[in-house]
Amino acid sequence: MPKLLTEMLKGTLEGIVLATLSGRPAYGYEITAWLREQGFSDIAEGTVYALLIRVEKRGLVDVEKVPSEKGPPRKVYSLNTEGREYLEEFWRTWSFLTERLDQLREGGK
């Protein structure tokens, strides 16, 4: 992944993961695998797990431990009310930024 893309992704990955969880609950590896399928091939599992811990501590997700066929129970994350509100704000901010960037690209028209 080019360095610029990596830097930009750092600022948006939280919103991307929360958007992923807005569709359905998921566990860490499942989220990482989905992101890789979407073209974010260089995202490390550790990055996603660290992000999930942060959003859990901030109260944006609910966590349920679900038995696993192999190994310890899995932590399944689901977006809660606070997380949905945060995600709405993320999309509003994203829209604002993309509109301004489009204006800049078009020469300030």
C-alpha atoms as a PDB file:
ATOM      1  CA  MET A   1       0.000   0.000   0.000  1.00  0.00           C
ATOM      2  CA  PRO A   2       1.484   3.378  -0.916  1.00  0.00           C
ATOM      3  CA  LYS A   3       2.543   5.497   2.056  1.00  0.00           C
ATOM      4  CA  LEU A   4       0.048   8.283   1.307  1.00  0.00           C
ATOM      5  CA  LEU A   5      -2.835   5.800   1.220  1.00  0.00           C
ATOM      6  CA  THR A   6      -1.669   4.298   4.515  1.00  0.00           C
ATOM      7  CA  GLU A   7      -1.597   7.735   6.150  1.00  0.00           C
ATOM      8  CA  MET A   8      -5.061   8.658   4.838  1.00  0.00           C
ATOM      9  CA  LEU A   9      -6.450   5.303   5.908  1.00  0.00           C
ATOM     10  CA  LYS A  10      -5.283   5.856   9.498  1.00  0.00           C
ATOM     11  CA  GLY A  11      -7.675   8.762   9.786  1.00  0.00           C
ATOM     12  CA  THR A  12     -10.647   6.961   8.293  1.00  0.00           C
ATOM     13  CA  LEU A  13     -10.295   3.326   9.353  1.00  0.00           C
ATOM     14  CA  GLU A  14     -12.393   3.832  12.474  1.00  0.00           C
ATOM     15  CA  GLY A  15     -15.312   5.079  10.381  1.00  0.00           C
ATOM     16  CA  ILE A  16     -14.825   2.255   7.886  1.00  0.00           C
ATOM     17  CA  VAL A  17     -14.932  -0.380  10.632  1.00  0.00           C
ATOM     18  CA  LEU A  18     -17.981   1.200  12.271  1.00  0.00           C
ATOM     19  CA  ALA A  19     -19.702   1.324   8.876  1.00  0.00           C
ATOM     20  CA  THR A  20     -18.927  -2.368   8.479  1.00  0.00           C
ATOM     21  CA  LEU A  21     -20.531  -3.069  11.855  1.00  0.00           C
ATOM     22  CA  SER A  22     -23.594  -0.998  10.967  1.00  0.00           C
ATOM     23  CA  GLY A  23     -24.633  -3.787   8.622  1.00  0.00           C
ATOM     24  CA  ARG A  24     -24.212  -6.655  11.041  1.00  0.00           C
ATOM     25  CA  PRO A  25     -22.261  -7.783  14.095  1.00  0.00           C
ATOM     26  CA  ALA A  26     -18.836  -9.278  13.392  1.00  0.00           C
ATOM     27  CA  TYR A  27     -15.652 -10.417  15.108  1.00  0.00           C
ATOM     28  CA  GLY A  28     -12.184  -9.016  14.472  1.00  0.00           C
ATOM     29  CA  TYR A  29     -10.879 -11.501  11.931  1.00  0.00           C
ATOM     30  CA  GLU A  30     -14.154 -11.351  10.022  1.00  0.00           C
ATOM     31  CA  ILE A  31     -13.834  -7.565   9.739  1.00  0.00           C
ATOM     32  CA  THR A  32     -10.209  -7.835   8.613  1.00  0.00           C
ATOM     33  CA  ALA A  33     -11.099 -10.445   5.979  1.00  0.00           C
ATOM     34  CA  TRP A  34     -13.950  -8.287   4.651  1.00  0.00           C
ATOM     35  CA  LEU A  35     -11.694  -5.227   4.447  1.00  0.00           C
ATOM     36  CA  ARG A  36      -9.138  -7.249   2.500  1.00  0.00           C
ATOM     37  CA  GLU A  37     -11.871  -8.411   0.106  1.00  0.00           C
ATOM     38  CA  GLN A  38     -12.730  -4.731  -0.441  1.00  0.00           C
ATOM     39  CA  GLY A  39      -9.174  -4.003  -1.567  1.00  0.00           C
ATOM     40  CA  PHE A  40      -7.556  -3.002   1.733  1.00  0.00           C
ATOM     41  CA  SER A  41      -5.146  -5.896   1.355  1.00  0.00           C
ATOM     42  CA  ASP A  42      -2.359  -4.589   3.589  1.00  0.00           C
ATOM     43  CA  ILE A  43      -4.430  -4.014   6.713  1.00  0.00           C
ATOM     44  CA  ALA A  44      -2.977  -6.023   9.570  1.00  0.00           C
ATOM     45  CA  GLU A  45      -5.224  -7.936  11.942  1.00  0.00           C
ATOM     46  CA  GLY A  46      -3.493  -6.236  14.858  1.00  0.00           C
ATOM     47  CA  THR A  47      -4.526  -2.827  13.521  1.00  0.00           C
ATOM     48  CA  VAL A  48      -8.183  -3.851  13.429  1.00  0.00           C
ATOM     49  CA  TYR A  49      -8.053  -5.462  16.884  1.00  0.00           C
ATOM     50  CA  ALA A  50      -6.440  -2.352  18.412  1.00  0.00           C
ATOM     51  CA  LEU A  51      -9.114  -0.193  16.796  1.00  0.00           C
ATOM     52  CA  LEU A  52     -11.873  -2.458  18.133  1.00  0.00           C
ATOM     53  CA  ILE A  53     -10.475  -2.151  21.645  1.00  0.00           C
ATOM     54  CA  ARG A  54     -10.475   1.653  21.312  1.00  0.00           C
ATOM     55  CA  VAL A  55     -14.072   1.875  20.073  1.00  0.00           C
ATOM     56  CA  GLU A  56     -15.155  -0.567  22.793  1.00  0.00           C
ATOM     57  CA  LYS A  57     -13.518   1.616  25.479  1.00  0.00           C
ATOM     58  CA  ARG A  58     -15.223   4.689  24.005  1.00  0.00           C
ATOM     59  CA  GLY A  59     -18.604   2.945  24.258  1.00  0.00           C
ATOM     60  CA  LEU A  60     -19.330   2.889  20.506  1.00  0.00           C
ATOM     61  CA  VAL A  61     -19.872  -0.870  20.273  1.00  0.00           C
ATOM     62  CA  ASP A  62     -21.381  -3.638  22.330  1.00  0.00           C
ATOM     63  CA  VAL A  63     -19.427  -6.858  22.742  1.00  0.00           C
ATOM     64  CA  GLU A  64     -20.751 -10.369  23.144  1.00  0.00           C
ATOM     65  CA  LYS A  65     -18.581 -13.402  23.733  1.00  0.00           C
ATOM     66  CA  VAL A  66     -19.699 -16.207  21.461  1.00  0.00           C
ATOM     67  CA  PRO A  67     -18.421 -19.790  21.694  1.00  0.00           C
ATOM     68  CA  SER A  68     -15.953 -20.740  18.986  1.00  0.00           C
ATOM     69  CA  GLU A  69     -15.568 -24.145  17.363  1.00  0.00           C
ATOM     70  CA  LYS A  70     -11.825 -23.762  17.803  1.00  0.00           C
ATOM     71  CA  GLY A  71     -10.209 -22.081  20.777  1.00  0.00           C
ATOM     72  CA  PRO A  72     -11.556 -19.474  23.168  1.00  0.00           C
ATOM     73  CA  PRO A  73     -14.853 -17.614  22.702  1.00  0.00           C
ATOM     74  CA  ARG A  74     -14.909 -14.909  20.043  1.00  0.00           C
ATOM     75  CA  LYS A  75     -15.709 -11.299  20.827  1.00  0.00           C
ATOM     76  CA  VAL A  76     -18.487 -10.263  18.474  1.00  0.00           C
ATOM     77  CA  TYR A  77     -18.859  -6.508  18.052  1.00  0.00           C
ATOM     78  CA  SER A  78     -22.091  -4.714  17.205  1.00  0.00           C
ATOM     79  CA  LEU A  79     -22.722  -1.036  16.725  1.00  0.00           C
ATOM     80  CA  ASN A  80     -24.779   0.502  19.534  1.00  0.00           C
ATOM     81  CA  THR A  81     -26.700   3.795  19.678  1.00  0.00           C
ATOM     82  CA  GLU A  82     -23.616   5.853  20.520  1.00  0.00           C
ATOM     83  CA  GLY A  83     -21.725   4.165  17.698  1.00  0.00           C
ATOM     84  CA  ARG A  84     -24.509   4.914  15.204  1.00  0.00           C
ATOM     85  CA  GLU A  85     -24.501   8.573  16.244  1.00  0.00           C
ATOM     86  CA  TYR A  86     -20.721   8.710  15.873  1.00  0.00           C
ATOM     87  CA  LEU A  87     -20.959   7.039  12.454  1.00  0.00           C
ATOM     88  CA  GLU A  88     -23.553   9.597  11.312  1.00  0.00           C
ATOM     89  CA  GLU A  89     -21.154  12.368  12.339  1.00  0.00           C
ATOM     90  CA  PHE A  90     -18.324  10.580  10.517  1.00  0.00           C
ATOM     91  CA  TRP A  91     -20.406  10.516   7.291  1.00  0.00           C
ATOM     92  CA  ARG A  92     -21.361  14.193   7.660  1.00  0.00           C
ATOM     93  CA  THR A  93     -17.698  15.097   8.092  1.00  0.00           C
ATOM     94  CA  TRP A  94     -16.700  12.840   5.198  1.00  0.00           C
ATOM     95  CA  SER A  95     -19.270  14.515   2.937  1.00  0.00           C
ATOM     96  CA  PHE A  96     -18.030  17.966   3.935  1.00  0.00           C
ATOM     97  CA  LEU A  97     -14.414  17.030   3.196  1.00  0.00           C
ATOM     98  CA  THR A  98     -15.122  15.316  -0.117  1.00  0.00           C
ATOM     99  CA  GLU A  99     -17.200  18.275  -1.330  1.00  0.00           C
ATOM    100  CA  ARG A 100     -14.351  20.681  -0.503  1.00  0.00           C
ATOM    101  CA  LEU A 101     -11.754  18.409  -2.095  1.00  0.00           C
ATOM    102  CA  ASP A 102     -13.867  18.117  -5.253  1.00  0.00           C
ATOM    103  CA  GLN A 103     -14.096  21.910  -5.388  1.00  0.00           C
ATOM    104  CA  LEU A 104     -10.324  22.191  -5.062  1.00  0.00           C
ATOM    105  CA  ARG A 105      -9.746  19.600  -7.765  1.00  0.00           C
ATOM    106  CA  GLU A 106     -12.094  21.488 -10.091  1.00  0.00           C
ATOM    107  CA  GLY A 107     -10.101  24.674  -9.579  1.00  0.00           C
ATOM    108  CA  GLY A 108     -12.128  26.313  -6.844  1.00  0.00           C
ATOM    109  CA  LYS A 109     -15.280  26.711  -8.938  1.00  0.00           C
END
